[in-house]
Amino acid sequence: MESKTARPQTLWVGSLGAAGFVDCSLALYHSILPYHMSWRQAAVGIPDSLRWALFALNFSWSVIVFLAGCLVIYAATLTSAAGRFARLTVFTVGLFWVIHGAYTWLNPFPLPATLRWLSVVFLAFPVIAVLLHWMPLLVYRQRSA
């Protein structure tokens, strides 16, 4: 029989492990996105400074999301007894996904008709990411109160 402390530990480790994996996976995909989507060919004719900014911002976004995902994975290894800094870090990464999700809902990615189904994925992803990041924090807070 599972103890009362085992369930929150499992939720903490599983949810935050999945959250960190999702963060890192998306970041890694974003690192190859410019090549996958042929950005260089599509950027012909735009000023060099804008082309540079597009690639630099995508690179920086990929790095920061990957590093945040690594921190979330590390927080998962600390179990629900993680300190305040680890909990605030996880909360902040979840807040990033709330803000990012709100932006993408208000300014949806333009998709051709054949890929319009992806808009559901683009809308669902931030919701799932927030749940994975914040659910363990809520359970931990309720149990420690």
N, C-alpha and C. Protein backbone atom coordinates (compact mmCIF):
# COMPACT_ATOMS: atom_id res chain seq x y z
N MET A 1 0.84 -1.19 0.00
CA MET A 1 0.00 0.00 0.00
C MET A 1 0.88 1.25 0.00
N GLU A 2 0.51 2.20 -0.78
CA GLU A 2 1.31 3.42 -0.94
C GLU A 2 1.08 4.35 0.25
N SER A 3 2.17 4.91 0.78
CA SER A 3 2.04 5.81 1.92
C SER A 3 1.52 7.17 1.46
N LYS A 4 1.08 7.96 2.44
CA LYS A 4 0.55 9.29 2.12
C LYS A 4 1.63 10.21 1.59
N THR A 5 2.89 9.99 1.95
CA THR A 5 3.96 10.86 1.46
C THR A 5 4.47 10.42 0.10
N ALA A 6 4.23 9.16 -0.27
CA ALA A 6 4.73 8.66 -1.55
C ALA A 6 4.01 9.30 -2.72
N ARG A 7 2.69 9.51 -2.61
CA ARG A 7 1.92 10.07 -3.72
C ARG A 7 2.40 11.48 -4.10
N PRO A 8 2.54 12.42 -3.13
CA PRO A 8 3.04 13.74 -3.53
C PRO A 8 4.46 13.67 -4.12
N GLN A 9 5.28 12.76 -3.59
CA GLN A 9 6.63 12.61 -4.13
C GLN A 9 6.56 12.16 -5.59
N THR A 10 5.68 11.18 -5.85
CA THR A 10 5.52 10.68 -7.22
C THR A 10 5.01 11.78 -8.13
N LEU A 11 4.03 12.53 -7.66
CA LEU A 11 3.49 13.65 -8.45
C LEU A 11 4.58 14.69 -8.70
N TRP A 12 5.32 15.04 -7.65
CA TRP A 12 6.38 16.04 -7.76
C TRP A 12 7.41 15.61 -8.80
N VAL A 13 7.96 14.42 -8.62
CA VAL A 13 9.02 13.93 -9.50
C VAL A 13 8.49 13.71 -10.92
N GLY A 14 7.33 13.07 -11.03
CA GLY A 14 6.79 12.77 -12.36
C GLY A 14 6.37 14.00 -13.14
N SER A 15 5.63 14.88 -12.49
CA SER A 15 5.12 16.07 -13.17
C SER A 15 6.26 17.02 -13.54
N LEU A 16 7.15 17.27 -12.58
CA LEU A 16 8.25 18.20 -12.87
C LEU A 16 9.27 17.56 -13.82
N GLY A 17 9.46 16.26 -13.71
CA GLY A 17 10.34 15.59 -14.68
C GLY A 17 9.80 15.72 -16.09
N ALA A 18 8.47 15.51 -16.23
CA ALA A 18 7.83 15.67 -17.54
C ALA A 18 7.89 17.12 -18.00
N ALA A 19 7.65 18.05 -17.08
CA ALA A 19 7.70 19.48 -17.44
C ALA A 19 9.08 19.87 -17.94
N GLY A 20 10.11 19.46 -17.23
CA GLY A 20 11.48 19.77 -17.65
C GLY A 20 11.82 19.12 -18.98
N PHE A 21 11.35 17.89 -19.18
CA PHE A 21 11.58 17.21 -20.45
C PHE A 21 10.90 17.96 -21.60
N VAL A 22 9.66 18.40 -21.37
CA VAL A 22 8.92 19.16 -22.39
C VAL A 22 9.63 20.48 -22.69
N ASP A 23 10.07 21.17 -21.63
CA ASP A 23 10.80 22.43 -21.82
C ASP A 23 12.04 22.20 -22.67
N CYS A 24 12.85 21.22 -22.28
CA CYS A 24 14.11 20.96 -22.99
C CYS A 24 13.86 20.48 -24.41
N SER A 25 12.85 19.64 -24.60
CA SER A 25 12.54 19.13 -25.94
C SER A 25 12.13 20.26 -26.88
N LEU A 26 11.25 21.14 -26.41
CA LEU A 26 10.83 22.26 -27.25
C LEU A 26 12.02 23.17 -27.56
N ALA A 27 12.87 23.39 -26.58
CA ALA A 27 14.04 24.23 -26.79
C ALA A 27 14.97 23.61 -27.84
N LEU A 28 15.18 22.31 -27.74
CA LEU A 28 16.05 21.64 -28.72
C LEU A 28 15.44 21.70 -30.12
N TYR A 29 14.13 21.52 -30.21
CA TYR A 29 13.49 21.64 -31.52
C TYR A 29 13.65 23.06 -32.06
N HIS A 30 13.47 24.05 -31.19
CA HIS A 30 13.62 25.43 -31.63
C HIS A 30 15.04 25.71 -32.12
N SER A 31 16.02 25.00 -31.58
CA SER A 31 17.39 25.23 -32.03
C SER A 31 17.60 24.77 -33.47
N ILE A 32 16.80 23.81 -33.95
CA ILE A 32 16.92 23.38 -35.35
C ILE A 32 15.79 23.94 -36.22
N LEU A 33 14.84 24.62 -35.60
CA LEU A 33 13.69 25.17 -36.33
C LEU A 33 14.10 26.02 -37.53
N PRO A 34 15.07 26.91 -37.42
CA PRO A 34 15.43 27.73 -38.59
C PRO A 34 15.88 26.89 -39.79
N TYR A 35 16.50 25.76 -39.52
CA TYR A 35 16.95 24.88 -40.61
C TYR A 35 15.79 24.04 -41.12
N HIS A 36 14.97 23.57 -40.21
CA HIS A 36 13.82 22.77 -40.58
C HIS A 36 12.83 23.57 -41.43
N MET A 37 12.66 24.84 -41.10
CA MET A 37 11.70 25.68 -41.81
C MET A 37 12.36 26.54 -42.91
N SER A 38 13.63 26.30 -43.17
CA SER A 38 14.36 27.01 -44.24
C SER A 38 14.27 28.52 -44.11
N TRP A 39 14.58 29.02 -42.92
CA TRP A 39 14.49 30.45 -42.68
C TRP A 39 15.45 31.26 -43.56
N ARG A 40 16.63 30.75 -43.83
CA ARG A 40 17.59 31.51 -44.65
C ARG A 40 17.02 31.84 -46.02
N GLN A 41 16.44 30.83 -46.66
CA GLN A 41 15.86 31.06 -47.98
C GLN A 41 14.65 32.00 -47.89
N ALA A 42 13.87 31.86 -46.82
CA ALA A 42 12.69 32.70 -46.66
C ALA A 42 13.05 34.14 -46.31
N ALA A 43 14.25 34.33 -45.76
CA ALA A 43 14.65 35.67 -45.31
C ALA A 43 15.40 36.46 -46.38
N VAL A 44 15.45 35.94 -47.60
CA VAL A 44 16.10 36.66 -48.69
C VAL A 44 15.35 37.96 -48.93
N GLY A 45 16.10 39.05 -49.01
CA GLY A 45 15.49 40.34 -49.28
C GLY A 45 15.18 41.17 -48.05
N ILE A 46 15.28 40.60 -46.87
CA ILE A 46 15.06 41.42 -45.68
C ILE A 46 16.42 41.95 -45.22
N PRO A 47 16.44 43.06 -44.53
CA PRO A 47 17.72 43.63 -44.09
C PRO A 47 18.52 42.64 -43.22
N ASP A 48 19.83 42.70 -43.36
CA ASP A 48 20.71 41.80 -42.61
C ASP A 48 20.47 41.89 -41.11
N SER A 49 20.20 43.09 -40.62
CA SER A 49 19.99 43.25 -39.18
C SER A 49 18.74 42.50 -38.70
N LEU A 50 17.69 42.48 -39.51
CA LEU A 50 16.47 41.74 -39.14
C LEU A 50 16.70 40.24 -39.21
N ARG A 51 17.43 39.80 -40.24
CA ARG A 51 17.76 38.38 -40.35
C ARG A 51 18.57 37.95 -39.14
N TRP A 52 19.58 38.75 -38.78
CA TRP A 52 20.41 38.44 -37.61
C TRP A 52 19.54 38.38 -36.35
N ALA A 53 18.64 39.36 -36.19
CA ALA A 53 17.79 39.41 -34.99
C ALA A 53 16.89 38.18 -34.92
N LEU A 54 16.34 37.75 -36.03
CA LEU A 54 15.47 36.58 -36.05
C LEU A 54 16.22 35.35 -35.55
N PHE A 55 17.42 35.12 -36.08
CA PHE A 55 18.20 33.96 -35.67
C PHE A 55 18.73 34.11 -34.24
N ALA A 56 19.16 35.29 -33.88
CA ALA A 56 19.70 35.51 -32.53
C ALA A 56 18.62 35.34 -31.46
N LEU A 57 17.44 35.89 -31.71
CA LEU A 57 16.36 35.75 -30.73
C LEU A 57 15.90 34.30 -30.62
N ASN A 58 15.81 33.59 -31.73
CA ASN A 58 15.44 32.18 -31.66
C ASN A 58 16.51 31.38 -30.90
N PHE A 59 17.77 31.66 -31.18
CA PHE A 59 18.85 30.98 -30.47
C PHE A 59 18.78 31.26 -28.97
N SER A 60 18.63 32.52 -28.61
CA SER A 60 18.57 32.90 -27.19
C SER A 60 17.34 32.29 -26.51
N TRP A 61 16.19 32.30 -27.19
CA TRP A 61 14.99 31.70 -26.64
C TRP A 61 15.22 30.21 -26.40
N SER A 62 15.85 29.54 -27.36
CA SER A 62 16.13 28.11 -27.22
C SER A 62 17.03 27.84 -26.02
N VAL A 63 18.08 28.63 -25.86
CA VAL A 63 19.02 28.44 -24.75
C VAL A 63 18.33 28.67 -23.41
N ILE A 64 17.60 29.75 -23.27
CA ILE A 64 16.99 30.07 -21.98
C ILE A 64 15.91 29.05 -21.61
N VAL A 65 15.13 28.59 -22.57
CA VAL A 65 14.11 27.58 -22.27
C VAL A 65 14.77 26.24 -21.94
N PHE A 66 15.86 25.90 -22.63
CA PHE A 66 16.58 24.66 -22.31
C PHE A 66 17.14 24.72 -20.89
N LEU A 67 17.77 25.83 -20.55
CA LEU A 67 18.34 25.96 -19.20
C LEU A 67 17.26 25.96 -18.13
N ALA A 68 16.14 26.61 -18.40
CA ALA A 68 15.02 26.59 -17.45
C ALA A 68 14.51 25.17 -17.29
N GLY A 69 14.43 24.43 -18.38
CA GLY A 69 14.00 23.03 -18.31
C GLY A 69 14.96 22.19 -17.48
N CYS A 70 16.26 22.46 -17.62
CA CYS A 70 17.25 21.75 -16.80
C CYS A 70 17.05 22.05 -15.31
N LEU A 71 16.74 23.30 -14.99
CA LEU A 71 16.48 23.66 -13.60
C LEU A 71 15.22 22.96 -13.07
N VAL A 72 14.21 22.84 -13.90
CA VAL A 72 12.98 22.16 -13.50
C VAL A 72 13.27 20.67 -13.27
N ILE A 73 14.05 20.06 -14.14
CA ILE A 73 14.43 18.65 -13.94
C ILE A 73 15.21 18.50 -12.64
N TYR A 74 16.11 19.43 -12.37
CA TYR A 74 16.84 19.38 -11.11
C TYR A 74 15.89 19.52 -9.92
N ALA A 75 14.93 20.41 -10.01
CA ALA A 75 13.95 20.59 -8.93
C ALA A 75 13.16 19.29 -8.72
N ALA A 76 12.89 18.56 -9.80
CA ALA A 76 12.18 17.28 -9.67
C ALA A 76 12.98 16.30 -8.83
N THR A 77 14.30 16.34 -8.95
CA THR A 77 15.13 15.40 -8.18
C THR A 77 15.17 15.74 -6.70
N LEU A 78 14.80 16.96 -6.35
CA LEU A 78 14.82 17.39 -4.95
C LEU A 78 13.61 16.89 -4.18
N THR A 79 12.63 16.33 -4.86
CA THR A 79 11.34 15.89 -4.31
C THR A 79 10.58 17.09 -3.75
N SER A 80 9.43 16.83 -3.18
CA SER A 80 8.57 17.93 -2.74
C SER A 80 9.14 18.68 -1.54
N ALA A 81 10.24 18.20 -0.97
CA ALA A 81 10.90 18.92 0.11
C ALA A 81 11.83 20.00 -0.43
N ALA A 82 11.76 20.26 -1.72
CA ALA A 82 12.61 21.28 -2.35
C ALA A 82 12.47 22.61 -1.62
N GLY A 83 13.55 23.33 -1.60
CA GLY A 83 13.56 24.62 -0.92
C GLY A 83 12.79 25.68 -1.67
N ARG A 84 12.71 26.83 -1.04
CA ARG A 84 11.96 27.97 -1.59
C ARG A 84 12.48 28.39 -2.96
N PHE A 85 13.80 28.42 -3.13
CA PHE A 85 14.35 28.84 -4.42
C PHE A 85 13.92 27.89 -5.54
N ALA A 86 13.96 26.60 -5.29
CA ALA A 86 13.55 25.63 -6.31
C ALA A 86 12.06 25.78 -6.63
N ARG A 87 11.23 25.95 -5.62
CA ARG A 87 9.79 26.13 -5.85
C ARG A 87 9.52 27.42 -6.62
N LEU A 88 10.22 28.50 -6.27
CA LEU A 88 10.04 29.77 -7.00
C LEU A 88 10.53 29.66 -8.44
N THR A 89 11.59 28.90 -8.64
CA THR A 89 12.09 28.69 -10.01
C THR A 89 11.04 27.96 -10.84
N VAL A 90 10.47 26.89 -10.29
CA VAL A 90 9.43 26.14 -11.00
C VAL A 90 8.22 27.04 -11.26
N PHE A 91 7.82 27.82 -10.26
CA PHE A 91 6.70 28.75 -10.43
C PHE A 91 6.99 29.74 -11.56
N THR A 92 8.19 30.28 -11.58
CA THR A 92 8.56 31.28 -12.58
C THR A 92 8.56 30.70 -13.98
N VAL A 93 9.04 29.48 -14.14
CA VAL A 93 9.01 28.85 -15.46
C VAL A 93 7.55 28.63 -15.88
N GLY A 94 6.70 28.21 -14.95
CA GLY A 94 5.27 28.09 -15.26
C GLY A 94 4.66 29.43 -15.65
N LEU A 95 5.07 30.49 -14.96
CA LEU A 95 4.58 31.83 -15.29
C LEU A 95 5.02 32.24 -16.69
N PHE A 96 6.24 31.87 -17.06
CA PHE A 96 6.69 32.12 -18.44
C PHE A 96 5.71 31.50 -19.43
N TRP A 97 5.30 30.24 -19.17
CA TRP A 97 4.39 29.57 -20.10
C TRP A 97 3.00 30.21 -20.11
N VAL A 98 2.57 30.76 -18.97
CA VAL A 98 1.30 31.50 -18.94
C VAL A 98 1.40 32.72 -19.85
N ILE A 99 2.47 33.49 -19.71
CA ILE A 99 2.65 34.71 -20.50
C ILE A 99 2.84 34.36 -21.97
N HIS A 100 3.66 33.38 -22.25
CA HIS A 100 3.89 32.95 -23.63
C HIS A 100 2.58 32.45 -24.25
N GLY A 101 1.82 31.67 -23.48
CA GLY A 101 0.54 31.16 -23.98
C GLY A 101 -0.44 32.28 -24.27
N ALA A 102 -0.52 33.25 -23.36
CA ALA A 102 -1.42 34.39 -23.58
C ALA A 102 -1.04 35.13 -24.86
N TYR A 103 0.26 35.32 -25.06
CA TYR A 103 0.71 36.01 -26.27
C TYR A 103 0.30 35.22 -27.52
N THR A 104 0.54 33.91 -27.51
CA THR A 104 0.23 33.12 -28.70
C THR A 104 -1.27 32.97 -28.92
N TRP A 105 -2.07 33.07 -27.85
CA TRP A 105 -3.53 33.04 -28.03
C TRP A 105 -4.00 34.35 -28.64
N LEU A 106 -3.41 35.47 -28.19
CA LEU A 106 -3.80 36.78 -28.70
C LEU A 106 -3.23 37.05 -30.09
N ASN A 107 -2.08 36.46 -30.38
CA ASN A 107 -1.40 36.63 -31.67
C ASN A 107 -1.06 35.24 -32.23
N PRO A 108 -2.05 34.54 -32.76
CA PRO A 108 -1.79 33.16 -33.21
C PRO A 108 -0.79 33.10 -34.36
N PHE A 109 -0.07 32.00 -34.38
CA PHE A 109 0.89 31.75 -35.46
C PHE A 109 0.12 31.54 -36.76
N PRO A 110 0.50 32.26 -37.82
CA PRO A 110 -0.22 32.09 -39.09
C PRO A 110 0.14 30.75 -39.74
N LEU A 111 -0.87 29.94 -39.99
CA LEU A 111 -0.66 28.62 -40.57
C LEU A 111 -1.43 28.49 -41.89
N PRO A 112 -0.83 27.76 -42.83
CA PRO A 112 -1.59 27.49 -44.06
C PRO A 112 -2.76 26.55 -43.74
N ALA A 113 -3.74 26.51 -44.60
CA ALA A 113 -4.95 25.71 -44.37
C ALA A 113 -4.62 24.25 -44.10
N THR A 114 -3.62 23.71 -44.76
CA THR A 114 -3.28 22.29 -44.59
C THR A 114 -2.70 21.98 -43.20
N LEU A 115 -2.20 22.99 -42.52
CA LEU A 115 -1.62 22.80 -41.18
C LEU A 115 -2.44 23.47 -40.08
N ARG A 116 -3.64 23.89 -40.41
CA ARG A 116 -4.46 24.61 -39.44
C ARG A 116 -4.72 23.80 -38.17
N TRP A 117 -4.71 22.48 -38.27
CA TRP A 117 -4.91 21.61 -37.10
C TRP A 117 -3.84 21.85 -36.04
N LEU A 118 -2.66 22.33 -36.46
CA LEU A 118 -1.59 22.60 -35.50
C LEU A 118 -1.94 23.73 -34.54
N SER A 119 -2.89 24.57 -34.89
CA SER A 119 -3.27 25.66 -33.99
C SER A 119 -3.78 25.12 -32.66
N VAL A 120 -4.41 23.95 -32.67
CA VAL A 120 -4.88 23.32 -31.43
C VAL A 120 -3.67 22.95 -30.57
N VAL A 121 -2.63 22.42 -31.19
CA VAL A 121 -1.41 22.05 -30.47
C VAL A 121 -0.75 23.30 -29.90
N PHE A 122 -0.68 24.35 -30.70
CA PHE A 122 -0.06 25.60 -30.24
C PHE A 122 -0.83 26.23 -29.08
N LEU A 123 -2.13 26.03 -29.05
CA LEU A 123 -2.94 26.56 -27.95
C LEU A 123 -2.89 25.65 -26.72
N ALA A 124 -2.83 24.34 -26.94
CA ALA A 124 -2.84 23.39 -25.82
C ALA A 124 -1.49 23.31 -25.12
N PHE A 125 -0.41 23.49 -25.86
CA PHE A 125 0.92 23.29 -25.27
C PHE A 125 1.16 24.14 -24.03
N PRO A 126 0.91 25.45 -24.06
CA PRO A 126 1.17 26.23 -22.85
C PRO A 126 0.29 25.81 -21.67
N VAL A 127 -0.93 25.40 -21.94
CA VAL A 127 -1.81 24.95 -20.87
C VAL A 127 -1.23 23.71 -20.20
N ILE A 128 -0.81 22.76 -21.01
CA ILE A 128 -0.20 21.53 -20.49
C ILE A 128 1.08 21.85 -19.73
N ALA A 129 1.90 22.73 -20.29
CA ALA A 129 3.16 23.10 -19.63
C ALA A 129 2.89 23.73 -18.26
N VAL A 130 1.92 24.63 -18.19
CA VAL A 130 1.60 25.28 -16.91
C VAL A 130 1.11 24.24 -15.91
N LEU A 131 0.23 23.34 -16.33
CA LEU A 131 -0.26 22.30 -15.42
C LEU A 131 0.88 21.43 -14.90
N LEU A 132 1.78 21.03 -15.78
CA LEU A 132 2.90 20.19 -15.35
C LEU A 132 3.80 20.92 -14.36
N HIS A 133 3.99 22.22 -14.54
CA HIS A 133 4.84 22.99 -13.64
C HIS A 133 4.16 23.33 -12.32
N TRP A 134 2.89 23.71 -12.39
CA TRP A 134 2.22 24.25 -11.19
C TRP A 134 1.46 23.22 -10.36
N MET A 135 1.01 22.13 -10.97
CA MET A 135 0.25 21.14 -10.21
C MET A 135 1.02 20.63 -8.98
N PRO A 136 2.29 20.25 -9.12
CA PRO A 136 3.01 19.80 -7.92
C PRO A 136 3.16 20.90 -6.87
N LEU A 137 3.30 22.13 -7.31
CA LEU A 137 3.42 23.24 -6.35
C LEU A 137 2.13 23.40 -5.55
N LEU A 138 0.98 23.26 -6.23
CA LEU A 138 -0.30 23.38 -5.54
C LEU A 138 -0.52 22.24 -4.56
N VAL A 139 -0.22 21.03 -4.98
CA VAL A 139 -0.39 19.86 -4.10
C VAL A 139 0.55 19.98 -2.91
N TYR A 140 1.79 20.36 -3.16
CA TYR A 140 2.76 20.49 -2.08
C TYR A 140 2.32 21.57 -1.09
N ARG A 141 1.83 22.68 -1.60
CA ARG A 141 1.40 23.78 -0.74
C ARG A 141 0.21 23.36 0.13
N GLN A 142 -0.76 22.67 -0.47
CA GLN A 142 -1.93 22.23 0.29
C GLN A 142 -1.54 21.22 1.36
N ARG A 143 -0.63 20.34 1.09
CA ARG A 143 -0.24 19.31 2.04
C ARG A 143 0.62 19.88 3.16
N SER A 144 1.36 20.95 2.87
CA SER A 144 2.23 21.50 3.91
C SER A 144 1.52 22.58 4.74
N ALA A 145 0.31 22.98 4.31
CA ALA A 145 -0.43 24.02 5.02
C ALA A 145 -1.10 23.47 6.28
